[in-house]
């Protein structure tokens, strides 16, 4: 496979919810070593999630610059002014 100068890959995982929610969106931001956002994508958007269930997510990355970390953030509102209820940083190898 040819990459044409792009770093490409996926950030995949599972997320378990212990509480039911009416709306969930998970945004994944890919960052360089200095914390600059290289790209962002929505890896999970669901109108409802049920307590006690595990959901899979997948975020695609395909840019010229190699990402150093990824920040996963989840909101339970479609409004931008409400902050995330969950944030996790992942170091990429």
PDB file of N, CA and C in Angstrom:
ATOM      1  N   UNK A   1       0.843  -1.195   0.000  1.00  0.00           N
ATOM      2  CA  UNK A   1       0.000   0.000   0.000  1.00  0.00           C
ATOM      3  C   UNK A   1       0.875   1.240   0.000  1.00  0.00           C
ATOM      4  N   UNK A   2       0.469   2.224  -0.718  1.00  0.00           N
ATOM      5  CA  UNK A   2       1.203   3.482  -0.796  1.00  0.00           C
ATOM      6  C   UNK A   2       0.579   4.498   0.144  1.00  0.00           C
ATOM      7  N   UNK A   3       1.436   5.281   0.820  1.00  0.00           N
ATOM      8  CA  UNK A   3       0.902   6.260   1.765  1.00  0.00           C
ATOM      9  C   UNK A   3       0.961   7.680   1.226  1.00  0.00           C
ATOM     10  N   UNK A   4       1.723   7.920   0.167  1.00  0.00           N
ATOM     11  CA  UNK A   4       1.812   9.245  -0.458  1.00  0.00           C
ATOM     12  C   UNK A   4       2.203  10.336   0.531  1.00  0.00           C
ATOM     13  N   UNK A   5       3.096  10.013   1.482  1.00  0.00           N
ATOM     14  CA  UNK A   5       3.567  11.020   2.417  1.00  0.00           C
ATOM     15  C   UNK A   5       2.631  11.322   3.561  1.00  0.00           C
ATOM     16  N   UNK A   6       1.608  10.525   3.739  1.00  0.00           N
ATOM     17  CA  UNK A   6       0.658  10.744   4.829  1.00  0.00           C
ATOM     18  C   UNK A   6       0.884   9.710   5.921  1.00  0.00           C
ATOM     19  N   UNK A   7       0.707  10.153   7.151  1.00  0.00           N
ATOM     20  CA  UNK A   7       0.608   9.206   8.260  1.00  0.00           C
ATOM     21  C   UNK A   7      -0.860   8.837   8.349  1.00  0.00           C
ATOM     22  N   UNK A   8      -1.131   7.564   8.389  1.00  0.00           N
ATOM     23  CA  UNK A   8      -2.533   7.185   8.500  1.00  0.00           C
ATOM     24  C   UNK A   8      -2.678   6.062   9.514  1.00  0.00           C
ATOM     25  N   UNK A   9      -3.832   6.026  10.093  1.00  0.00           N
ATOM     26  CA  UNK A   9      -4.105   4.989  11.078  1.00  0.00           C
ATOM     27  C   UNK A   9      -5.407   5.256  11.789  1.00  0.00           C
ATOM     28  N   UNK A  10      -5.662   4.446  12.777  1.00  0.00           N
ATOM     29  CA  UNK A  10      -6.898   4.525  13.534  1.00  0.00           C
ATOM     30  C   UNK A  10      -6.587   4.566  15.020  1.00  0.00           C
ATOM     31  N   UNK A  11      -7.426   5.241  15.748  1.00  0.00           N
ATOM     32  CA  UNK A  11      -7.457   5.128  17.194  1.00  0.00           C
ATOM     33  C   UNK A  11      -8.761   4.413  17.495  1.00  0.00           C
ATOM     34  N   UNK A  12      -8.645   3.181  17.974  1.00  0.00           N
ATOM     35  CA  UNK A  12      -9.825   2.362  18.236  1.00  0.00           C
ATOM     36  C   UNK A  12      -9.896   2.050  19.717  1.00  0.00           C
ATOM     37  N   UNK A  13     -11.093   1.830  20.191  1.00  0.00           N
ATOM     38  CA  UNK A  13     -11.238   1.445  21.579  1.00  0.00           C
ATOM     39  C   UNK A  13     -12.671   1.130  21.936  1.00  0.00           C
ATOM     40  N   UNK A  14     -12.841   0.802  23.193  1.00  0.00           N
ATOM     41  CA  UNK A  14     -14.162   0.520  23.757  1.00  0.00           C
ATOM     42  C   UNK A  14     -14.402   1.493  24.893  1.00  0.00           C
ATOM     43  N   UNK A  15     -15.631   1.904  25.048  1.00  0.00           N
ATOM     44  CA  UNK A  15     -15.997   2.763  26.174  1.00  0.00           C
ATOM     45  C   UNK A  15     -17.233   2.162  26.833  1.00  0.00           C
ATOM     46  N   UNK A  16     -17.146   2.038  28.143  1.00  0.00           N
ATOM     47  CA  UNK A  16     -18.224   1.448  28.936  1.00  0.00           C
ATOM     48  C   UNK A  16     -18.966   2.569  29.653  1.00  0.00           C
ATOM     49  N   UNK A  17     -20.270   2.537  29.594  1.00  0.00           N
ATOM     50  CA  UNK A  17     -21.096   3.537  30.274  1.00  0.00           C
ATOM     51  C   UNK A  17     -21.802   2.890  31.454  1.00  0.00           C
ATOM     52  N   UNK A  18     -21.626   3.479  32.637  1.00  0.00           N
ATOM     53  CA  UNK A  18     -22.332   2.967  33.807  1.00  0.00           C
ATOM     54  C   UNK A  18     -23.603   3.758  34.077  1.00  0.00           C
ATOM     55  N   UNK A  19     -23.864   4.751  33.222  1.00  0.00           N
ATOM     56  CA  UNK A  19     -25.068   5.577  33.332  1.00  0.00           C
ATOM     57  C   UNK A  19     -25.697   5.709  31.951  1.00  0.00           C
ATOM     58  N   UNK A  20     -27.008   5.657  31.876  1.00  0.00           N
ATOM     59  CA  UNK A  20     -27.695   5.901  30.603  1.00  0.00           C
ATOM     60  C   UNK A  20     -27.705   7.397  30.311  1.00  0.00           C
ATOM     61  N   UNK A  21     -27.486   7.747  29.051  1.00  0.00           N
ATOM     62  CA  UNK A  21     -27.486   9.148  28.621  1.00  0.00           C
ATOM     63  C   UNK A  21     -28.327   9.286  27.366  1.00  0.00           C
ATOM     64  N   UNK A  22     -28.988  10.432  27.247  1.00  0.00           N
ATOM     65  CA  UNK A  22     -29.831  10.685  26.076  1.00  0.00           C
ATOM     66  C   UNK A  22     -29.025  11.025  24.825  1.00  0.00           C
ATOM     67  N   UNK A  23     -27.807  11.546  25.000  1.00  0.00           N
ATOM     68  CA  UNK A  23     -26.995  11.947  23.850  1.00  0.00           C
ATOM     69  C   UNK A  23     -25.525  11.878  24.235  1.00  0.00           C
ATOM     70  N   UNK A  24     -24.702  11.342  23.364  1.00  0.00           N
ATOM     71  CA  UNK A  24     -23.255  11.308  23.597  1.00  0.00           C
ATOM     72  C   UNK A  24     -22.541  11.591  22.291  1.00  0.00           C
ATOM     73  N   UNK A  25     -21.540  12.475  22.343  1.00  0.00           N
ATOM     74  CA  UNK A  25     -20.637  12.651  21.219  1.00  0.00           C
ATOM     75  C   UNK A  25     -19.216  12.552  21.743  1.00  0.00           C
ATOM     76  N   UNK A  26     -18.376  11.827  21.010  1.00  0.00           N
ATOM     77  CA  UNK A  26     -16.974  11.686  21.365  1.00  0.00           C
ATOM     78  C   UNK A  26     -16.136  12.321  20.260  1.00  0.00           C
ATOM     79  N   UNK A  27     -15.372  13.337  20.627  1.00  0.00           N
ATOM     80  CA  UNK A  27     -14.469  13.979  19.684  1.00  0.00           C
ATOM     81  C   UNK A  27     -13.047  13.543  20.001  1.00  0.00           C
ATOM     82  N   UNK A  28     -12.287  13.239  18.955  1.00  0.00           N
ATOM     83  CA  UNK A  28     -10.874  12.897  19.107  1.00  0.00           C
ATOM     84  C   UNK A  28     -10.068  13.945  18.359  1.00  0.00           C
ATOM     85  N   UNK A  29      -9.178  14.616  19.104  1.00  0.00           N
ATOM     86  CA  UNK A  29      -8.264  15.588  18.503  1.00  0.00           C
ATOM     87  C   UNK A  29      -6.873  14.969  18.473  1.00  0.00           C
ATOM     88  N   UNK A  30      -6.227  15.027  17.318  1.00  0.00           N
ATOM     89  CA  UNK A  30      -4.857  14.554  17.162  1.00  0.00           C
ATOM     90  C   UNK A  30      -3.933  15.768  17.257  1.00  0.00           C
ATOM     91  N   UNK A  31      -2.927  15.682  18.139  1.00  0.00           N
ATOM     92  CA  UNK A  31      -2.061  16.831  18.419  1.00  0.00           C
ATOM     93  C   UNK A  31      -0.593  16.507  18.148  1.00  0.00           C
ATOM     94  N   UNK A  32       0.174  17.563  17.839  1.00  0.00           N
ATOM     95  CA  UNK A  32       1.618  17.387  17.699  1.00  0.00           C
ATOM     96  C   UNK A  32       2.279  17.486  19.072  1.00  0.00           C
ATOM     97  N   UNK A  33       3.626  17.435  19.116  1.00  0.00           N
ATOM     98  CA  UNK A  33       4.348  17.448  20.390  1.00  0.00           C
ATOM     99  C   UNK A  33       4.149  18.728  21.188  1.00  0.00           C
ATOM    100  N   UNK A  34       3.792  19.821  20.512  1.00  0.00           N
ATOM    101  CA  UNK A  34       3.588  21.105  21.176  1.00  0.00           C
ATOM    102  C   UNK A  34       2.134  21.356  21.565  1.00  0.00           C
ATOM    103  N   UNK A  35       1.262  20.400  21.311  1.00  0.00           N
ATOM    104  CA  UNK A  35      -0.143  20.557  21.670  1.00  0.00           C
ATOM    105  C   UNK A  35      -0.995  21.210  20.609  1.00  0.00           C
ATOM    106  N   UNK A  36      -0.432  21.451  19.432  1.00  0.00           N
ATOM    107  CA  UNK A  36      -1.198  22.040  18.326  1.00  0.00           C
ATOM    108  C   UNK A  36      -2.102  20.967  17.717  1.00  0.00           C
ATOM    109  N   UNK A  37      -3.367  21.304  17.490  1.00  0.00           N
ATOM    110  CA  UNK A  37      -4.323  20.359  16.905  1.00  0.00           C
ATOM    111  C   UNK A  37      -4.021  20.196  15.413  1.00  0.00           C
ATOM    112  N   UNK A  38      -3.749  18.956  15.022  1.00  0.00           N
ATOM    113  CA  UNK A  38      -3.485  18.642  13.621  1.00  0.00           C
ATOM    114  C   UNK A  38      -4.761  18.258  12.886  1.00  0.00           C
ATOM    115  N   UNK A  39      -5.666  17.610  13.583  1.00  0.00           N
ATOM    116  CA  UNK A  39      -6.919  17.161  12.988  1.00  0.00           C
ATOM    117  C   UNK A  39      -7.867  16.762  14.110  1.00  0.00           C
ATOM    118  N   UNK A  40      -9.147  16.756  13.809  1.00  0.00           N
ATOM    119  CA  UNK A  40     -10.134  16.273  14.784  1.00  0.00           C
ATOM    120  C   UNK A  40     -11.245  15.559  14.035  1.00  0.00           C
ATOM    121  N   UNK A  41     -11.865  14.632  14.734  1.00  0.00           N
ATOM    122  CA  UNK A  41     -12.947  13.861  14.144  1.00  0.00           C
ATOM    123  C   UNK A  41     -13.883  13.399  15.251  1.00  0.00           C
ATOM    124  N   UNK A  42     -15.108  13.077  14.874  1.00  0.00           N
ATOM    125  CA  UNK A  42     -16.058  12.513  15.826  1.00  0.00           C
ATOM    126  C   UNK A  42     -16.025  10.992  15.665  1.00  0.00           C
ATOM    127  N   UNK A  43     -15.662  10.308  16.760  1.00  0.00           N
ATOM    128  CA  UNK A  43     -15.493   8.861  16.720  1.00  0.00           C
ATOM    129  C   UNK A  43     -16.740   8.120  17.161  1.00  0.00           C
ATOM    130  N   UNK A  44     -17.600   8.791  17.899  1.00  0.00           N
ATOM    131  CA  UNK A  44     -18.822   8.150  18.389  1.00  0.00           C
ATOM    132  C   UNK A  44     -19.873   9.229  18.558  1.00  0.00           C
ATOM    133  N   UNK A  45     -21.006   9.049  17.929  1.00  0.00           N
ATOM    134  CA  UNK A  45     -22.160   9.925  18.138  1.00  0.00           C
ATOM    135  C   UNK A  45     -23.367   9.018  18.216  1.00  0.00           C
ATOM    136  N   UNK A  46     -24.080   9.109  19.304  1.00  0.00           N
ATOM    137  CA  UNK A  46     -25.214   8.225  19.505  1.00  0.00           C
ATOM    138  C   UNK A  46     -26.320   9.009  20.192  1.00  0.00           C
ATOM    139  N   UNK A  47     -27.534   8.776  19.761  1.00  0.00           N
ATOM    140  CA  UNK A  47     -28.646   9.504  20.368  1.00  0.00           C
ATOM    141  C   UNK A  47     -28.878   9.056  21.803  1.00  0.00           C
ATOM    142  N   UNK A  48     -28.630   7.785  22.084  1.00  0.00           N
ATOM    143  CA  UNK A  48     -28.762   7.298  23.457  1.00  0.00           C
ATOM    144  C   UNK A  48     -27.726   6.214  23.708  1.00  0.00           C
ATOM    145  N   UNK A  49     -27.246   6.158  24.938  1.00  0.00           N
ATOM    146  CA  UNK A  49     -26.409   5.039  25.368  1.00  0.00           C
ATOM    147  C   UNK A  49     -27.042   4.457  26.618  1.00  0.00           C
ATOM    148  N   UNK A  50     -26.924   3.168  26.745  1.00  0.00           N
ATOM    149  CA  UNK A  50     -27.551   2.473  27.857  1.00  0.00           C
ATOM    150  C   UNK A  50     -26.527   2.108  28.916  1.00  0.00           C
ATOM    151  N   UNK A  51     -26.925   2.213  30.174  1.00  0.00           N
ATOM    152  CA  UNK A  51     -26.064   1.832  31.292  1.00  0.00           C
ATOM    153  C   UNK A  51     -25.731   0.351  31.201  1.00  0.00           C
ATOM    154  N   UNK A  52     -24.474   0.035  31.511  1.00  0.00           N
ATOM    155  CA  UNK A  52     -24.048  -1.354  31.514  1.00  0.00           C
ATOM    156  C   UNK A  52     -23.631  -1.893  30.166  1.00  0.00           C
ATOM    157  N   UNK A  53     -23.577  -1.028  29.153  1.00  0.00           N
ATOM    158  CA  UNK A  53     -23.181  -1.477  27.817  1.00  0.00           C
ATOM    159  C   UNK A  53     -21.845  -0.875  27.419  1.00  0.00           C
ATOM    160  N   UNK A  54     -21.134  -1.594  26.566  1.00  0.00           N
ATOM    161  CA  UNK A  54     -19.860  -1.145  26.024  1.00  0.00           C
ATOM    162  C   UNK A  54     -20.057  -0.792  24.557  1.00  0.00           C
ATOM    163  N   UNK A  55     -19.527   0.341  24.148  1.00  0.00           N
ATOM    164  CA  UNK A  55     -19.631   0.822  22.773  1.00  0.00           C
ATOM    165  C   UNK A  55     -18.234   0.939  22.192  1.00  0.00           C
ATOM    166  N   UNK A  56     -18.101   0.589  20.924  1.00  0.00           N
ATOM    167  CA  UNK A  56     -16.819   0.701  20.246  1.00  0.00           C
ATOM    168  C   UNK A  56     -16.730   2.048  19.536  1.00  0.00           C
ATOM    169  N   UNK A  57     -15.505   2.592  19.498  1.00  0.00           N
ATOM    170  CA  UNK A  57     -15.287   3.814  18.734  1.00  0.00           C
ATOM    171  C   UNK A  57     -14.056   3.653  17.864  1.00  0.00           C
ATOM    172  N   UNK A  58     -13.999   4.475  16.812  1.00  0.00           N
ATOM    173  CA  UNK A  58     -12.876   4.435  15.890  1.00  0.00           C
ATOM    174  C   UNK A  58     -12.691   5.829  15.300  1.00  0.00           C
ATOM    175  N   UNK A  59     -11.480   6.341  15.409  1.00  0.00           N
ATOM    176  CA  UNK A  59     -11.155   7.663  14.859  1.00  0.00           C
ATOM    177  C   UNK A  59     -10.074   7.500  13.803  1.00  0.00           C
ATOM    178  N   UNK A  60     -10.321   7.987  12.610  1.00  0.00           N
ATOM    179  CA  UNK A  60      -9.376   7.891  11.500  1.00  0.00           C
ATOM    180  C   UNK A  60      -8.479   9.123  11.482  1.00  0.00           C
ATOM    181  N   UNK A  61      -7.178   8.890  11.248  1.00  0.00           N
ATOM    182  CA  UNK A  61      -6.232   9.996  11.081  1.00  0.00           C
ATOM    183  C   UNK A  61      -5.492   9.798   9.775  1.00  0.00           C
ATOM    184  N   UNK A  62      -5.438  10.873   8.957  1.00  0.00           N
ATOM    185  CA  UNK A  62      -4.695  10.808   7.704  1.00  0.00           C
ATOM    186  C   UNK A  62      -4.238  12.214   7.315  1.00  0.00           C
ATOM    187  N   UNK A  63      -3.067  12.574   7.805  1.00  0.00           N
ATOM    188  CA  UNK A  63      -2.482  13.893   7.514  1.00  0.00           C
ATOM    189  C   UNK A  63      -0.996  13.737   7.246  1.00  0.00           C
ATOM    190  N   UNK A  64      -0.339  14.814   6.812  1.00  0.00           N
ATOM    191  CA  UNK A  64       1.083  14.761   6.499  1.00  0.00           C
ATOM    192  C   UNK A  64       1.960  14.706   7.748  1.00  0.00           C
ATOM    193  N   UNK A  65       1.528  15.331   8.826  1.00  0.00           N
ATOM    194  CA  UNK A  65       2.335  15.396  10.039  1.00  0.00           C
ATOM    195  C   UNK A  65       1.939  14.287  11.004  1.00  0.00           C
ATOM    196  N   UNK A  66       2.943  13.615  11.578  1.00  0.00           N
ATOM    197  CA  UNK A  66       2.673  12.516  12.509  1.00  0.00           C
ATOM    198  C   UNK A  66       2.150  13.064  13.831  1.00  0.00           C
ATOM    199  N   UNK A  67       1.031  12.536  14.334  1.00  0.00           N
ATOM    200  CA  UNK A  67       0.516  12.994  15.624  1.00  0.00           C
ATOM    201  C   UNK A  67       1.322  12.403  16.780  1.00  0.00           C
ATOM    202  N   UNK A  68       1.401  13.147  17.863  1.00  0.00           N
ATOM    203  CA  UNK A  68       2.123  12.725  19.065  1.00  0.00           C
ATOM    204  C   UNK A  68       1.162  12.194  20.127  1.00  0.00           C
ATOM    205  N   UNK A  69       0.045  12.903  20.297  1.00  0.00           N
ATOM    206  CA  UNK A  69      -0.972  12.474  21.253  1.00  0.00           C
ATOM    207  C   UNK A  69      -2.360  12.629  20.632  1.00  0.00           C
ATOM    208  N   UNK A  70      -3.320  12.018  21.288  1.00  0.00           N
ATOM    209  CA  UNK A  70      -4.724  12.197  20.924  1.00  0.00           C
ATOM    210  C   UNK A  70      -5.475  12.535  22.203  1.00  0.00           C
ATOM    211  N   UNK A  71      -6.407  13.468  22.098  1.00  0.00           N
ATOM    212  CA  UNK A  71      -7.262  13.812  23.237  1.00  0.00           C
ATOM    213  C   UNK A  71      -8.683  13.391  22.929  1.00  0.00           C
ATOM    214  N   UNK A  72      -9.217  12.535  23.785  1.00  0.00           N
ATOM    215  CA  UNK A  72     -10.587  12.054  23.648  1.00  0.00           C
ATOM    216  C   UNK A  72     -11.457  12.859  24.603  1.00  0.00           C
ATOM    217  N   UNK A  73     -12.530  13.444  24.102  1.00  0.00           N
ATOM    218  CA  UNK A  73     -13.455  14.164  24.981  1.00  0.00           C
ATOM    219  C   UNK A  73     -14.884  13.778  24.617  1.00  0.00           C
ATOM    220  N   UNK A  74     -15.701  13.607  25.661  1.00  0.00           N
ATOM    221  CA  UNK A  74     -17.104  13.241  25.456  1.00  0.00           C
ATOM    222  C   UNK A  74     -18.016  14.275  26.076  1.00  0.00           C
ATOM    223  N   UNK A  75     -19.067  14.596  25.327  1.00  0.00           N
ATOM    224  CA  UNK A  75     -20.089  15.525  25.791  1.00  0.00           C
ATOM    225  C   UNK A  75     -21.433  14.819  25.778  1.00  0.00           C
ATOM    226  N   UNK A  76     -22.326  15.277  26.636  1.00  0.00           N
ATOM    227  CA  UNK A  76     -23.695  14.751  26.576  1.00  0.00           C
ATOM    228  C   UNK A  76     -24.667  15.840  26.167  1.00  0.00           C
ATOM    229  N   UNK A  77     -24.158  16.805  25.399  1.00  0.00           N
ATOM    230  CA  UNK A  77     -24.985  17.869  24.847  1.00  0.00           C
ATOM    231  C   UNK A  77     -24.438  18.254  23.481  1.00  0.00           C
ATOM    232  N   UNK A  78     -25.315  18.613  22.573  1.00  0.00           N
ATOM    233  CA  UNK A  78     -24.881  19.057  21.250  1.00  0.00           C
ATOM    234  C   UNK A  78     -24.416  20.511  21.273  1.00  0.00           C
ATOM    235  N   UNK A  79     -24.650  21.207  22.374  1.00  0.00           N
ATOM    236  CA  UNK A  79     -24.260  22.612  22.471  1.00  0.00           C
ATOM    237  C   UNK A  79     -22.768  22.741  22.738  1.00  0.00           C
ATOM    238  N   UNK A  80     -22.130  23.680  22.041  1.00  0.00           N
ATOM    239  CA  UNK A  80     -20.687  23.881  22.194  1.00  0.00           C
ATOM    240  C   UNK A  80     -20.315  24.476  23.537  1.00  0.00           C
ATOM    241  N   UNK A  81     -21.227  25.195  24.178  1.00  0.00           N
ATOM    242  CA  UNK A  81     -20.868  25.900  25.413  1.00  0.00           C
ATOM    243  C   UNK A  81     -20.848  24.990  26.646  1.00  0.00           C
ATOM    244  N   UNK A  82     -21.332  23.775  26.505  1.00  0.00           N
ATOM    245  CA  UNK A  82     -21.274  22.839  27.622  1.00  0.00           C
ATOM    246  C   UNK A  82     -20.013  22.008  27.503  1.00  0.00           C
ATOM    247  N   UNK A  83     -19.222  21.984  28.557  1.00  0.00           N
ATOM    248  CA  UNK A  83     -17.950  21.279  28.536  1.00  0.00           C
ATOM    249  C   UNK A  83     -18.111  19.771  28.547  1.00  0.00           C
ATOM    250  N   UNK A  84     -17.026  19.066  28.254  1.00  0.00           N
ATOM    251  CA  UNK A  84     -17.076  17.609  28.247  1.00  0.00           C
ATOM    252  C   UNK A  84     -17.196  17.042  29.659  1.00  0.00           C
ATOM    253  N   UNK A  85     -17.824  15.871  29.759  1.00  0.00           N
ATOM    254  CA  UNK A  85     -17.911  15.185  31.049  1.00  0.00           C
ATOM    255  C   UNK A  85     -16.782  14.181  31.214  1.00  0.00           C
ATOM    256  N   UNK A  86     -16.017  13.948  30.131  1.00  0.00           N
ATOM    257  CA  UNK A  86     -14.908  13.008  30.200  1.00  0.00           C
ATOM    258  C   UNK A  86     -13.827  13.461  29.234  1.00  0.00           C
ATOM    259  N   UNK A  87     -12.561  13.486  29.685  1.00  0.00           N
ATOM    260  CA  UNK A  87     -11.417  13.833  28.827  1.00  0.00           C
ATOM    261  C   UNK A  87     -10.281  12.864  29.164  1.00  0.00           C
ATOM    262  N   UNK A  88      -9.652  12.334  28.119  1.00  0.00           N
ATOM    263  CA  UNK A  88      -8.490  11.470  28.319  1.00  0.00           C
ATOM    264  C   UNK A  88      -7.474  11.746  27.231  1.00  0.00           C
ATOM    265  N   UNK A  89      -6.211  11.828  27.608  1.00  0.00           N
ATOM    266  CA  UNK A  89      -5.125  11.994  26.655  1.00  0.00           C
ATOM    267  C   UNK A  89      -4.440  10.652  26.445  1.00  0.00           C
ATOM    268  N   UNK A  90      -4.122  10.344  25.184  1.00  0.00           N
ATOM    269  CA  UNK A  90      -3.483   9.104  24.821  1.00  0.00           C
ATOM    270  C   UNK A  90      -2.206   9.433  24.082  1.00  0.00           C
ATOM    271  N   UNK A  91      -1.069   8.864  24.520  1.00  0.00           N
ATOM    272  CA  UNK A  91       0.183   9.035  23.809  1.00  0.00           C
ATOM    273  C   UNK A  91       0.247   7.994  22.699  1.00  0.00           C
ATOM    274  N   UNK A  92       0.510   8.437  21.489  1.00  0.00           N
ATOM    275  CA  UNK A  92       0.562   7.546  20.334  1.00  0.00           C
ATOM    276  C   UNK A  92       2.007   7.110  20.092  1.00  0.00           C
ATOM    277  N   UNK A  93       2.188   5.884  19.659  1.00  0.00           N
ATOM    278  CA  UNK A  93       3.552   5.401  19.401  1.00  0.00           C
ATOM    279  C   UNK A  93       3.918   5.581  17.953  1.00  0.00           C
TER     280      UNK A  93
END
